[in-house]
């Protein structure tokens, strides 16, 4: 009997107190979270290491790059040049987490939106006349504005905010989703200006995932434009970026597998910038230039095809064809799935036609159009700049031996930017007009 009782005791499960069970669950949660983070980091590092093969192919295939850049032969693959390419390849690979990939149900919905957009845009005549897709925004007045002041990187600035008042037409696919981004309804722009006599203005448009003064001042070289070249500078915040963001990453839904988002985002971008430019003219601005980098290069190139009256347009490391870029950056399995759903190819190209800089003849004089681009750009790719250069009737262009962000430390780009602004009559000395 004693042996039987002992056996029964031994085989009974041990039941922990409730507090101990809660602590155990919390401990398991922490361990699971740490394991998930470590796994994610290891996977990202593995993708980054695999990306070195892309850099190696880039270095070993100069003839392919020469074909892409014709008639601009690429520079010799120096160590510094290839290091920039390798870092950018690795960053792009690390960003391509499988958790960000769309599901099949998402692809079905996106494909249906693109089909509906093609039918609607054709029926409304917007494909034949893309300019008619863009409605003229209402004037921006002082009464529409709220202001706050700040200082960053040693630069005093004012930031204006105003109701964007942009909305996609209710009949447009994805319109309800775009309207649901509440923080995006309020537009913003940072103003850095001189006091005294009127000076030229340069509207500087930031790239993807930017939209804050601390980032935009560095990426658009605001200190030099304002301090050394004597310009007044206006930096609009693109939709879903900076204070308008709706996800932790600034701008994330703007460029995503939701292909109609980028159509609405680009339409709202030029809408907001047109309102800002109209306000600058009411403030006495007699000469205004456009300067944008990356996604901002896209926006200023599009705006230069819609409106007259700009003294110059400078597109830096520009993107001009988002569907092609999406396809190029998609991992092969995602590209195959998207192709099966009809998302890649003519679908997004047709929908994006109404917001494509390549669908408009620029209204800026040919000798006032300027482009700079990187031979080793692994984000926008040099071919995008070449396409804009061809479309703009081969204006002045500056190529530097570096990656997408390599322009920031390129002396040739700095000199080209100064020379372009001077040739357009925009740059003045810092002491002028005081």
Protein backbone atom coordinates (compact mmCIF):
# COMPACT_ATOMS: atom_id res chain seq x y z
CA UNK A 1 0.00 0.00 0.00
CA UNK A 2 2.78 2.42 0.89
CA UNK A 3 4.53 1.70 -2.41
CA UNK A 4 1.28 2.34 -4.34
CA UNK A 5 0.68 5.64 -2.54
CA UNK A 6 4.25 6.73 -3.24
CA UNK A 7 3.85 5.95 -6.94
CA UNK A 8 0.61 7.96 -7.04
CA UNK A 9 2.32 10.94 -5.46
CA UNK A 10 5.22 10.76 -7.88
CA UNK A 11 3.02 10.69 -10.97
CA UNK A 12 0.80 13.65 -9.98
CA UNK A 13 1.66 16.85 -11.92
CA UNK A 14 3.16 19.70 -9.95
CA UNK A 15 0.78 22.68 -9.88
CA UNK A 16 2.45 26.09 -9.45
CA UNK A 17 0.76 28.94 -7.59
CA UNK A 18 -1.07 31.49 -9.80
CA UNK A 19 1.57 34.18 -9.25
CA UNK A 20 4.37 31.79 -10.27
CA UNK A 21 2.42 30.78 -13.39
CA UNK A 22 2.03 34.43 -14.39
CA UNK A 23 5.75 35.00 -13.89
CA UNK A 24 6.52 31.92 -15.96
CA UNK A 25 4.28 33.16 -18.79
CA UNK A 26 5.96 36.56 -18.70
CA UNK A 27 9.38 34.93 -18.76
CA UNK A 28 8.38 32.78 -21.75
CA UNK A 29 7.06 35.89 -23.49
CA UNK A 30 10.36 37.70 -22.95
CA UNK A 31 12.34 34.68 -24.17
CA UNK A 32 10.10 34.31 -27.22
CA UNK A 33 10.47 38.03 -27.97
CA UNK A 34 14.25 37.86 -27.68
CA UNK A 35 14.34 34.78 -29.90
CA UNK A 36 12.15 36.54 -32.49
CA UNK A 37 14.36 39.65 -32.49
CA UNK A 38 17.56 37.61 -32.71
CA UNK A 39 16.09 35.50 -35.51
CA UNK A 40 15.03 38.62 -37.37
CA UNK A 41 18.48 40.19 -36.97
CA UNK A 42 20.24 36.99 -38.05
CA UNK A 43 17.96 36.70 -41.09
CA UNK A 44 18.60 40.35 -42.00
CA UNK A 45 22.36 39.85 -41.69
CA UNK A 46 22.10 36.72 -43.83
CA UNK A 47 20.25 38.70 -46.51
CA UNK A 48 22.87 41.43 -46.30
CA UNK A 49 25.69 38.91 -46.77
CA UNK A 50 23.91 37.36 -49.74
CA UNK A 51 23.61 40.83 -51.25
CA UNK A 52 27.40 40.89 -51.69
CA UNK A 53 26.87 38.71 -54.74
CA UNK A 54 24.90 41.58 -56.30
CA UNK A 55 27.78 43.96 -55.63
CA UNK A 56 30.22 41.45 -57.10
CA UNK A 57 28.13 41.13 -60.27
CA UNK A 58 27.93 44.92 -60.46
CA UNK A 59 31.72 45.19 -60.29
CA UNK A 60 32.24 42.37 -62.79
CA UNK A 61 29.78 43.52 -65.45
CA UNK A 62 30.87 46.96 -66.69
CA UNK A 63 29.40 46.29 -70.10
CA UNK A 64 25.91 45.99 -68.59
CA UNK A 65 26.32 49.21 -66.70
CA UNK A 66 27.62 50.87 -69.86
CA UNK A 67 24.47 49.79 -71.70
CA UNK A 68 22.27 51.12 -68.89
CA UNK A 69 24.11 54.43 -68.79
CA UNK A 70 24.68 54.98 -72.49
CA UNK A 71 26.10 57.44 -73.46
CA UNK A 72 27.68 57.87 -70.00
CA UNK A 73 30.43 55.26 -69.51
CA UNK A 74 30.72 54.27 -65.84
CA UNK A 75 33.85 55.12 -63.85
CA UNK A 76 36.47 52.58 -62.77
CA UNK A 77 35.28 50.48 -59.79
CA UNK A 78 37.46 52.01 -57.07
CA UNK A 79 37.36 50.60 -53.55
CA UNK A 80 35.45 53.61 -52.17
CA UNK A 81 32.95 53.45 -55.02
CA UNK A 82 32.31 49.72 -54.53
CA UNK A 83 32.09 50.16 -50.75
CA UNK A 84 29.20 52.58 -51.24
CA UNK A 85 27.50 50.13 -53.60
CA UNK A 86 27.99 47.25 -51.16
CA UNK A 87 26.54 49.19 -48.22
CA UNK A 88 23.49 50.20 -50.25
CA UNK A 89 22.97 46.65 -51.54
CA UNK A 90 23.14 45.37 -47.96
CA UNK A 91 20.68 47.96 -46.66
CA UNK A 92 18.19 47.17 -49.41
CA UNK A 93 18.49 43.45 -48.71
CA UNK A 94 18.00 43.92 -44.97
CA UNK A 95 14.87 46.02 -45.61
CA UNK A 96 13.30 43.22 -47.66
CA UNK A 97 11.94 41.30 -44.67
CA UNK A 98 9.45 38.54 -45.55
CA UNK A 99 7.13 40.02 -42.92
CA UNK A 100 6.62 43.00 -45.23
CA UNK A 101 5.60 40.88 -48.21
CA UNK A 102 1.95 41.01 -49.28
CA UNK A 103 -0.36 38.02 -48.93
CA UNK A 104 -2.22 36.50 -51.88
CA UNK A 105 -5.45 38.18 -50.76
CA UNK A 106 -3.63 41.54 -50.78
CA UNK A 107 -2.39 40.91 -54.31
CA UNK A 108 -5.91 40.06 -55.49
CA UNK A 109 -7.24 43.31 -54.07
CA UNK A 110 -4.40 45.42 -55.50
CA UNK A 111 -4.88 43.83 -58.92
CA UNK A 112 -8.59 44.65 -58.83
CA UNK A 113 -7.83 48.28 -57.88
CA UNK A 114 -5.44 48.61 -60.81
CA UNK A 115 -7.99 47.13 -63.23
CA UNK A 116 -10.64 49.54 -61.97
CA UNK A 117 -8.22 52.48 -62.22
CA UNK A 118 -7.34 51.64 -65.84
CA UNK A 119 -11.02 51.57 -66.79
CA UNK A 120 -11.87 54.77 -64.90
CA UNK A 121 -8.86 56.75 -66.12
CA UNK A 122 -9.52 55.75 -69.74
CA UNK A 123 -13.23 56.59 -69.49
CA UNK A 124 -12.51 60.03 -67.99
CA UNK A 125 -9.92 60.86 -70.66
CA UNK A 126 -7.12 61.24 -68.11
CA UNK A 127 -4.84 58.80 -69.94
CA UNK A 128 -5.03 60.90 -73.12
CA UNK A 129 -4.72 64.17 -71.19
CA UNK A 130 -2.90 63.49 -67.88
CA UNK A 131 -2.93 67.19 -66.94
CA UNK A 132 -6.72 67.07 -66.70
CA UNK A 133 -6.39 64.54 -63.88
CA UNK A 134 -4.81 67.22 -61.67
CA UNK A 135 -7.32 69.72 -60.35
CA UNK A 136 -6.16 73.24 -59.56
CA UNK A 137 -5.98 73.57 -55.76
CA UNK A 138 -7.51 76.51 -53.88
CA UNK A 139 -5.28 79.43 -52.99
CA UNK A 140 -3.43 79.28 -49.68
CA UNK A 141 -3.91 82.41 -47.57
CA UNK A 142 -2.33 83.67 -44.36
CA UNK A 143 -5.57 82.87 -42.57
CA UNK A 144 -5.13 79.18 -43.42
CA UNK A 145 -1.78 78.94 -41.66
CA UNK A 146 -0.58 78.07 -38.19
CA UNK A 147 3.09 78.61 -37.32
CA UNK A 148 5.73 77.38 -34.94
CA UNK A 149 9.41 78.28 -34.71
CA UNK A 150 12.41 76.06 -34.23
CA UNK A 151 16.14 75.77 -34.58
CA UNK A 152 18.15 72.78 -35.78
CA UNK A 153 21.70 72.39 -37.09
CA UNK A 154 22.26 76.05 -36.22
CA UNK A 155 19.46 77.17 -38.55
CA UNK A 156 16.41 79.11 -37.37
CA UNK A 157 13.26 78.08 -39.17
CA UNK A 158 9.51 78.55 -39.21
CA UNK A 159 7.17 75.65 -39.86
CA UNK A 160 3.78 76.35 -41.36
CA UNK A 161 0.86 73.94 -41.22
CA UNK A 162 -2.42 74.08 -43.10
CA UNK A 163 -5.29 71.86 -44.12
CA UNK A 164 -4.29 70.15 -47.35
CA UNK A 165 -7.89 69.95 -48.63
CA UNK A 166 -6.81 67.27 -51.09
CA UNK A 167 -8.99 64.21 -51.54
CA UNK A 168 -9.01 61.60 -54.31
CA UNK A 169 -12.26 61.49 -56.23
CA UNK A 170 -14.63 59.04 -54.51
CA UNK A 171 -14.75 56.95 -57.71
CA UNK A 172 -10.99 56.35 -57.66
CA UNK A 173 -9.83 52.96 -56.37
CA UNK A 174 -8.18 53.25 -52.95
CA UNK A 175 -9.72 56.66 -52.27
CA UNK A 176 -11.35 55.58 -49.00
CA UNK A 177 -8.10 54.05 -47.75
CA UNK A 178 -6.19 57.22 -48.59
CA UNK A 179 -8.77 59.37 -46.81
CA UNK A 180 -8.47 57.17 -43.70
CA UNK A 181 -4.93 58.47 -43.07
CA UNK A 182 -6.10 61.24 -40.75
CA UNK A 183 -2.67 62.69 -39.91
CA UNK A 184 -2.07 63.25 -43.62
CA UNK A 185 -4.93 65.75 -43.91
CA UNK A 186 -2.72 68.43 -42.37
CA UNK A 187 0.04 69.66 -44.70
CA UNK A 188 3.30 71.25 -43.57
CA UNK A 189 6.31 73.13 -44.89
CA UNK A 190 9.49 74.45 -43.30
CA UNK A 191 10.52 78.00 -44.20
CA UNK A 192 14.10 79.35 -43.92
CA UNK A 193 14.26 82.91 -45.16
CA UNK A 194 16.22 86.13 -45.03
CA UNK A 195 14.76 89.37 -43.84
CA UNK A 196 15.04 92.58 -45.80
CA UNK A 197 14.90 92.88 -49.58
CA UNK A 198 13.22 90.07 -51.50
CA UNK A 199 15.43 87.20 -52.68
CA UNK A 200 14.89 84.23 -54.94
CA UNK A 201 13.11 81.22 -53.46
CA UNK A 202 14.08 77.60 -53.88
CA UNK A 203 11.41 74.99 -53.16
CA UNK A 204 13.32 71.92 -51.94
CA UNK A 205 11.50 68.58 -51.84
CA UNK A 206 12.86 65.76 -49.68
CA UNK A 207 13.17 62.06 -50.43
CA UNK A 208 11.44 58.97 -49.09
CA UNK A 209 11.32 58.46 -45.28
CA UNK A 210 12.41 62.05 -44.59
CA UNK A 211 10.18 65.03 -43.76
CA UNK A 212 11.76 66.39 -40.58
CA UNK A 213 13.96 69.54 -40.50
CA UNK A 214 16.93 67.70 -38.96
CA UNK A 215 16.92 65.25 -41.89
CA UNK A 216 15.80 67.57 -44.68
CA UNK A 217 18.36 70.28 -43.84
CA UNK A 218 21.13 67.70 -44.26
CA UNK A 219 19.70 65.91 -47.29
CA UNK A 220 18.92 69.14 -49.15
CA UNK A 221 21.97 71.12 -47.95
CA UNK A 222 19.80 73.90 -46.58
CA UNK A 223 22.60 75.65 -44.69
CA UNK A 224 24.61 76.18 -47.88
CA UNK A 225 21.61 77.15 -49.99
CA UNK A 226 20.43 79.69 -47.44
CA UNK A 227 23.71 80.87 -45.93
CA UNK A 228 26.25 80.70 -48.75
CA UNK A 229 24.02 81.12 -51.80
CA UNK A 230 21.69 83.61 -50.13
CA UNK A 231 18.41 81.93 -51.05
CA UNK A 232 15.11 81.79 -49.27
CA UNK A 233 14.25 78.12 -48.90
CA UNK A 234 10.86 76.40 -48.59
CA UNK A 235 10.79 72.69 -47.74
CA UNK A 236 7.35 71.11 -48.10
CA UNK A 237 6.61 67.87 -46.26
CA UNK A 238 5.39 65.15 -48.61
CA UNK A 239 2.20 63.22 -47.81
CA UNK A 240 2.52 60.56 -45.09
CA UNK A 241 5.99 61.84 -44.15
CA UNK A 242 7.33 63.55 -41.06
CA UNK A 243 4.51 64.99 -38.92
CA UNK A 244 2.04 63.53 -41.44
CA UNK A 245 3.15 59.93 -41.00
CA UNK A 246 0.70 57.20 -39.99
CA UNK A 247 3.20 54.37 -39.34
CA UNK A 248 6.49 54.31 -37.39
CA UNK A 249 8.47 54.64 -40.64
CA UNK A 250 8.01 58.03 -42.25
CA UNK A 251 6.33 57.67 -45.64
CA UNK A 252 5.89 53.89 -45.48
CA UNK A 253 2.39 53.59 -47.02
CA UNK A 254 3.36 56.05 -49.79
CA UNK A 255 5.66 53.50 -51.44
CA UNK A 256 4.24 50.07 -50.72
CA UNK A 257 2.51 47.20 -52.47
CA UNK A 258 -0.67 49.33 -52.28
CA UNK A 259 0.04 50.62 -55.76
CA UNK A 260 -2.79 53.17 -55.84
CA UNK A 261 -1.34 54.81 -52.73
CA UNK A 262 1.58 56.14 -54.74
CA UNK A 263 -0.82 57.54 -57.38
CA UNK A 264 -2.78 59.42 -54.71
CA UNK A 265 0.42 60.35 -52.89
CA UNK A 266 2.01 61.92 -55.95
CA UNK A 267 -1.20 63.73 -56.87
CA UNK A 268 -1.41 65.16 -53.35
CA UNK A 269 2.29 66.05 -53.40
CA UNK A 270 1.96 68.36 -56.40
CA UNK A 271 -1.35 69.70 -55.02
CA UNK A 272 0.28 70.71 -51.73
CA UNK A 273 3.40 72.15 -53.38
CA UNK A 274 1.29 74.15 -55.82
CA UNK A 275 -0.57 75.69 -52.89
CA UNK A 276 2.75 76.52 -51.20
CA UNK A 277 4.16 78.08 -54.38
CA UNK A 278 1.02 80.18 -54.80
CA UNK A 279 1.45 81.48 -51.26
CA UNK A 280 5.11 82.32 -51.90
CA UNK A 281 4.07 84.43 -54.86
CA UNK A 282 1.64 86.39 -52.66
CA UNK A 283 4.59 87.09 -50.34
CA UNK A 284 6.38 88.88 -53.17
CA UNK A 285 8.52 86.04 -54.54
CA UNK A 286 9.47 87.06 -58.06
CA UNK A 287 11.64 84.06 -58.91
CA UNK A 288 11.16 80.48 -57.76
CA UNK A 289 13.18 77.36 -58.53
CA UNK A 290 12.49 73.69 -57.85
CA UNK A 291 14.97 71.24 -56.35
CA UNK A 292 14.24 67.70 -55.25
CA UNK A 293 16.16 64.54 -54.44
CA UNK A 294 15.04 60.93 -54.96
CA UNK A 295 11.25 60.87 -54.49
CA UNK A 296 11.46 64.67 -54.29
CA UNK A 297 13.15 64.61 -57.70
CA UNK A 298 10.07 62.82 -59.01
CA UNK A 299 7.75 65.44 -57.50
CA UNK A 300 9.59 68.48 -58.88
CA UNK A 301 9.89 66.84 -62.31
CA UNK A 302 6.14 66.24 -62.33
CA UNK A 303 5.35 69.76 -61.11
CA UNK A 304 7.61 71.27 -63.80
CA UNK A 305 5.35 69.59 -66.36
CA UNK A 306 2.18 71.05 -64.85
CA UNK A 307 2.97 74.69 -64.09
CA UNK A 308 4.72 77.58 -65.80
CA UNK A 309 6.76 80.22 -64.02
CA UNK A 310 9.66 78.29 -62.51
CA UNK A 311 13.13 79.66 -63.13
CA UNK A 312 14.79 76.24 -62.94
CA UNK A 313 14.21 72.61 -62.00
CA UNK A 314 16.95 70.44 -60.50
CA UNK A 315 16.23 66.72 -60.16
CA UNK A 316 18.78 64.93 -57.98
CA UNK A 317 19.11 61.11 -58.01
CA UNK A 318 15.60 61.13 -59.48
CA UNK A 319 12.96 58.44 -59.62
CA UNK A 320 10.59 58.77 -62.59
CA UNK A 321 9.04 55.29 -63.00
CA UNK A 322 7.77 53.74 -59.77
CA UNK A 323 6.26 50.53 -61.25
CA UNK A 324 9.60 49.62 -62.84
CA UNK A 325 11.40 50.41 -59.59
CA UNK A 326 8.96 48.31 -57.55
CA UNK A 327 9.54 45.37 -59.89
CA UNK A 328 13.32 45.74 -59.77
CA UNK A 329 13.42 45.75 -55.97
CA UNK A 330 10.94 42.91 -55.42
CA UNK A 331 12.47 39.53 -54.53
CA UNK A 332 12.01 36.97 -57.28
CA UNK A 333 9.23 34.95 -55.50
CA UNK A 334 7.20 38.12 -54.92
CA UNK A 335 7.81 39.26 -58.49
CA UNK A 336 6.47 35.95 -59.83
CA UNK A 337 3.39 36.10 -57.60
CA UNK A 338 2.71 39.73 -58.52
CA UNK A 339 3.13 38.90 -62.19
CA UNK A 340 0.57 36.10 -61.92
CA UNK A 341 -1.90 38.55 -60.37
CA UNK A 342 -1.30 41.11 -63.13
CA UNK A 343 0.20 43.67 -60.77
CA UNK A 344 3.49 44.11 -62.61
CA UNK A 345 3.64 45.14 -66.24
CA UNK A 346 1.01 47.32 -67.89
CA UNK A 347 -1.38 47.51 -64.91
CA UNK A 348 0.51 49.92 -62.64
CA UNK A 349 2.14 51.66 -65.60
CA UNK A 350 -1.26 52.71 -66.92
CA UNK A 351 -2.50 53.82 -63.50
CA UNK A 352 0.70 55.81 -62.85
CA UNK A 353 0.61 57.47 -66.27
CA UNK A 354 -1.42 60.38 -64.88
CA UNK A 355 1.31 61.15 -62.32
CA UNK A 356 4.38 60.30 -64.42
CA UNK A 357 6.89 63.06 -65.24
CA UNK A 358 7.50 61.19 -68.50
CA UNK A 359 3.90 61.88 -69.55
CA UNK A 360 4.37 65.67 -69.47
CA UNK A 361 6.45 68.09 -71.49
CA UNK A 362 8.29 70.18 -68.93
CA UNK A 363 7.43 73.87 -68.98
CA UNK A 364 10.89 74.98 -67.75
CA UNK A 365 13.29 76.25 -70.42
CA UNK A 366 15.69 73.61 -71.70
CA UNK A 367 18.78 75.44 -70.40
CA UNK A 368 17.19 75.68 -66.94
CA UNK A 369 16.75 71.90 -66.49
CA UNK A 370 19.41 70.09 -64.47
CA UNK A 371 19.94 66.51 -63.28
CA UNK A 372 22.55 64.83 -61.09
CA UNK A 373 22.80 61.10 -60.49
CA UNK A 374 25.09 58.42 -59.07
CA UNK A 375 26.75 55.74 -61.18
CA UNK A 376 26.40 53.32 -58.27
CA UNK A 377 22.84 54.21 -57.23
CA UNK A 378 21.29 50.95 -55.99
CA UNK A 379 18.00 52.49 -54.84
CA UNK A 380 16.74 54.63 -57.73
CA UNK A 381 19.16 53.11 -60.30
CA UNK A 382 20.98 55.25 -62.90
CA UNK A 383 18.58 54.21 -65.67
CA UNK A 384 15.84 56.32 -64.09
CA UNK A 385 17.98 59.46 -64.40
CA UNK A 386 18.86 58.55 -67.99
CA UNK A 387 15.17 58.26 -68.89
CA UNK A 388 14.45 61.71 -67.46
CA UNK A 389 17.50 63.14 -69.21
CA UNK A 390 16.26 61.78 -72.55
CA UNK A 391 12.71 63.01 -71.91
CA UNK A 392 13.98 66.47 -71.02
CA UNK A 393 15.89 66.70 -74.32
CA UNK A 394 19.29 65.95 -72.80
CA UNK A 395 19.89 68.92 -70.49
CA UNK A 396 22.95 69.48 -68.31
CA UNK A 397 23.65 66.43 -66.16
CA UNK A 398 26.27 65.64 -63.51
CA UNK A 399 27.33 62.05 -62.77
CA UNK A 400 29.23 61.21 -59.62
CA UNK A 401 30.98 57.97 -58.66
CA UNK A 402 28.86 56.96 -55.70
CA UNK A 403 25.66 55.45 -54.35
CA UNK A 404 22.19 56.93 -53.95
CA UNK A 405 23.18 59.12 -51.00
CA UNK A 406 26.77 59.64 -52.19
CA UNK A 407 25.85 63.08 -53.55
CA UNK A 408 26.04 64.40 -50.00
CA UNK A 409 29.85 64.24 -50.02
CA UNK A 410 30.41 64.70 -53.76
CA UNK A 411 32.32 67.86 -54.65
CA UNK A 412 31.22 67.56 -58.26
CA UNK A 413 27.55 67.64 -57.23
CA UNK A 414 28.13 70.63 -54.93
CA UNK A 415 29.79 72.53 -57.76
CA UNK A 416 27.09 71.47 -60.21
CA UNK A 417 24.31 72.62 -57.87
CA UNK A 418 25.97 76.00 -57.33
CA UNK A 419 26.58 76.43 -61.06
CA UNK A 420 23.02 75.42 -61.96
CA UNK A 421 21.49 77.91 -59.55
CA UNK A 422 23.86 80.60 -60.76
CA UNK A 423 23.08 79.90 -64.42
CA UNK A 424 19.37 80.17 -63.63
CA UNK A 425 19.90 83.52 -61.92
CA UNK A 426 18.76 82.22 -58.54
CA UNK A 427 21.92 82.20 -56.43
CA UNK A 428 22.95 85.42 -54.71
CA UNK A 429 25.76 86.14 -52.26
CA UNK A 430 24.98 85.92 -48.55
CA UNK A 431 25.55 89.66 -48.10
CA UNK A 432 23.49 90.72 -51.09
CA UNK A 433 20.17 92.55 -50.63
CA UNK A 434 20.84 93.31 -46.96
